[in-house]
Amino acid sequence: MGKSTNGPDVTDLEVALRAIGALHSGTVSVTITPVTGSESGGLTLDIGMKFDVLPGSSLPREAHAVSLWPCASCTDIVQHLYAGVIGLDWEIEKLYNQLPLPEG
């Protein structure tokens, strides 16, 4: 069965989620909750990662990329989730950049 769109599909999303987890040594999760208190509704999407940190590590235990759906940039929710995976990778990079350099 071929792709019906030009954007990422569910298989691409699964591969990206697994890759981020393997690359950064952690467990990736996706949490989708309805937006409350809003007439238009929508969803809050939280793509998070819990790191497998060693005792004494200065790395935070988790990172998150949170966004709202629908959005003007994505045509469907899978594309939005895929963009969230890229956003999570950026958040992880920010964490790494804040770590102190090892003393030599």
Protein backbone atom coordinates (compact mmCIF):
# COMPACT_ATOMS: atom_id res chain seq x y z
CA MET A 1 0.00 0.00 0.00
CA GLY A 2 1.54 3.32 -1.08
CA LYS A 3 1.55 6.66 0.62
CA SER A 4 -1.47 8.82 -0.08
CA THR A 5 0.20 12.12 0.84
CA ASN A 6 3.48 13.87 0.27
CA GLY A 7 4.10 14.33 4.02
CA PRO A 8 5.11 11.85 6.69
CA ASP A 9 2.83 8.91 7.42
CA VAL A 10 2.35 6.77 10.53
CA THR A 11 5.30 4.53 9.60
CA ASP A 12 7.58 7.56 9.28
CA LEU A 13 6.34 8.78 12.66
CA GLU A 14 7.02 5.44 14.35
CA VAL A 15 10.54 5.27 12.90
CA ALA A 16 11.28 8.85 14.04
CA LEU A 17 10.03 8.13 17.57
CA ARG A 18 12.16 5.00 17.83
CA ALA A 19 15.20 6.79 16.40
CA ILE A 20 15.01 9.67 18.89
CA GLY A 21 14.75 7.19 21.76
CA ALA A 22 17.73 5.17 20.55
CA LEU A 23 19.86 8.21 19.71
CA HIS A 24 19.37 9.89 23.08
CA SER A 25 19.09 6.75 25.27
CA GLY A 26 15.59 7.09 26.61
CA THR A 27 11.93 6.28 26.31
CA VAL A 28 9.76 8.45 24.08
CA SER A 29 6.06 8.94 24.80
CA VAL A 30 3.18 10.77 23.16
CA THR A 31 0.36 12.14 25.30
CA ILE A 32 -2.72 13.65 23.65
CA THR A 33 -5.26 15.49 25.80
CA PRO A 34 -8.27 17.61 24.87
CA VAL A 35 -7.98 21.35 25.41
CA THR A 36 -10.45 22.36 28.10
CA GLY A 37 -12.16 25.69 28.65
CA SER A 38 -12.07 26.60 24.96
CA GLU A 39 -15.01 26.91 22.58
CA SER A 40 -13.01 25.72 19.57
CA GLY A 41 -11.57 22.71 21.38
CA GLY A 42 -8.47 21.15 19.96
CA LEU A 43 -5.79 18.91 21.41
CA THR A 44 -2.63 19.38 23.40
CA LEU A 45 0.16 17.10 22.18
CA ASP A 46 3.09 16.38 24.48
CA ILE A 47 5.96 14.41 23.00
CA GLY A 48 8.26 13.60 25.88
CA MET A 49 11.40 11.65 26.56
CA LYS A 50 12.56 10.13 29.82
CA PHE A 51 16.32 9.68 29.73
CA ASP A 52 18.10 6.61 31.06
CA VAL A 53 20.40 8.69 33.29
CA LEU A 54 23.17 7.31 35.45
CA PRO A 55 23.37 8.25 39.13
CA GLY A 56 25.15 11.58 39.54
CA SER A 57 24.49 12.63 35.95
CA SER A 58 23.87 16.32 35.34
CA LEU A 59 21.46 15.51 32.51
CA PRO A 60 17.82 16.28 33.33
CA ARG A 61 15.57 13.25 33.64
CA GLU A 62 13.16 14.29 30.86
CA ALA A 63 12.45 16.69 27.99
CA HIS A 64 9.16 17.70 26.35
CA ALA A 65 7.88 19.35 23.20
CA VAL A 66 4.30 20.55 23.75
CA SER A 67 2.06 21.92 21.00
CA LEU A 68 -1.58 22.54 20.14
CA TRP A 69 -3.56 20.89 17.35
CA PRO A 70 -4.98 22.06 14.98
CA CYS A 71 -2.25 24.40 13.80
CA ALA A 72 -1.75 26.49 10.69
CA SER A 73 1.47 24.71 9.69
CA CYS A 74 0.29 21.08 9.46
CA THR A 75 -2.33 19.51 7.22
CA ASP A 76 -3.02 16.51 9.47
CA ILE A 77 -2.27 15.25 12.97
CA VAL A 78 0.42 12.78 11.86
CA GLN A 79 2.34 15.62 10.21
CA HIS A 80 1.90 17.64 13.41
CA LEU A 81 3.22 14.78 15.55
CA TYR A 82 6.19 14.34 13.22
CA ALA A 83 6.96 18.06 13.60
CA GLY A 84 6.70 17.50 17.37
CA VAL A 85 9.40 14.81 17.18
CA ILE A 86 11.68 17.34 15.49
CA GLY A 87 10.72 19.85 18.20
CA LEU A 88 11.64 17.28 20.87
CA ASP A 89 15.05 16.81 19.27
CA TRP A 90 15.56 20.60 19.45
CA GLU A 91 14.57 20.61 23.13
CA ILE A 92 17.05 17.81 23.84
CA GLU A 93 19.77 19.75 22.01
CA LYS A 94 19.05 22.78 24.23
CA LEU A 95 19.50 20.58 27.30
CA TYR A 96 22.83 19.27 26.04
CA ASN A 97 24.02 22.82 25.29
CA GLN A 98 23.27 23.86 28.89
CA LEU A 99 25.40 21.10 30.42
CA PRO A 100 28.76 22.14 31.84
CA LEU A 101 31.81 21.13 29.85
CA PRO A 102 33.99 18.46 31.42
CA GLU A 103 37.09 19.76 33.14
CA GLY A 104 40.25 18.60 31.49
